[in-house]
């Protein structure tokens, strides 16, 4: 039995690639995406 993915944590850089993957994760897995951004 497959488990449904409910939540994903994404290290978000703010670039185009992470912006695209964020929407892809939401659309593909129908899950909540929580992002983490840090200014180091």
Protein backbone atom coordinates (compact mmCIF):
# COMPACT_ATOMS: atom_id res chain seq x y z
CA UNK A 1 0.00 0.00 0.00
CA UNK A 2 1.40 3.39 -1.01
CA UNK A 3 1.57 6.18 1.53
CA UNK A 4 0.17 9.54 0.51
CA UNK A 5 2.59 12.46 0.82
CA UNK A 6 0.92 15.13 2.96
CA UNK A 7 3.68 17.68 3.52
CA UNK A 8 7.02 18.51 1.89
CA UNK A 9 9.71 20.82 3.30
CA UNK A 10 11.68 22.65 0.60
CA UNK A 11 14.86 24.69 1.07
CA UNK A 12 13.79 27.66 -1.04
CA UNK A 13 16.44 29.81 -2.73
CA UNK A 14 13.94 32.04 -4.51
CA UNK A 15 15.33 31.17 -7.93
CA UNK A 16 13.43 29.99 -10.96
CA UNK A 17 14.22 26.31 -10.38
CA UNK A 18 12.83 26.22 -6.83
CA UNK A 19 9.80 28.28 -7.87
CA UNK A 20 9.02 25.74 -10.58
CA UNK A 21 9.59 22.69 -8.34
CA UNK A 22 7.36 24.22 -5.66
CA UNK A 23 4.35 24.31 -8.02
CA UNK A 24 5.28 20.92 -9.48
CA UNK A 25 5.23 19.33 -6.01
CA UNK A 26 1.83 20.87 -5.25
CA UNK A 27 0.32 19.81 -8.56
CA UNK A 28 1.87 16.32 -8.68
CA UNK A 29 1.46 15.20 -5.07
CA UNK A 30 -1.42 17.47 -3.97
CA UNK A 31 0.48 18.17 -0.77
CA UNK A 32 1.28 21.12 1.44
CA UNK A 33 4.70 22.60 0.66
CA UNK A 34 6.51 24.34 3.51
CA UNK A 35 9.50 26.44 2.47
CA UNK A 36 12.61 27.46 4.38
CA UNK A 37 14.62 30.51 3.34
CA UNK A 38 17.70 31.88 5.13
CA UNK A 39 19.88 34.90 4.46
CA UNK A 40 23.36 33.69 5.39
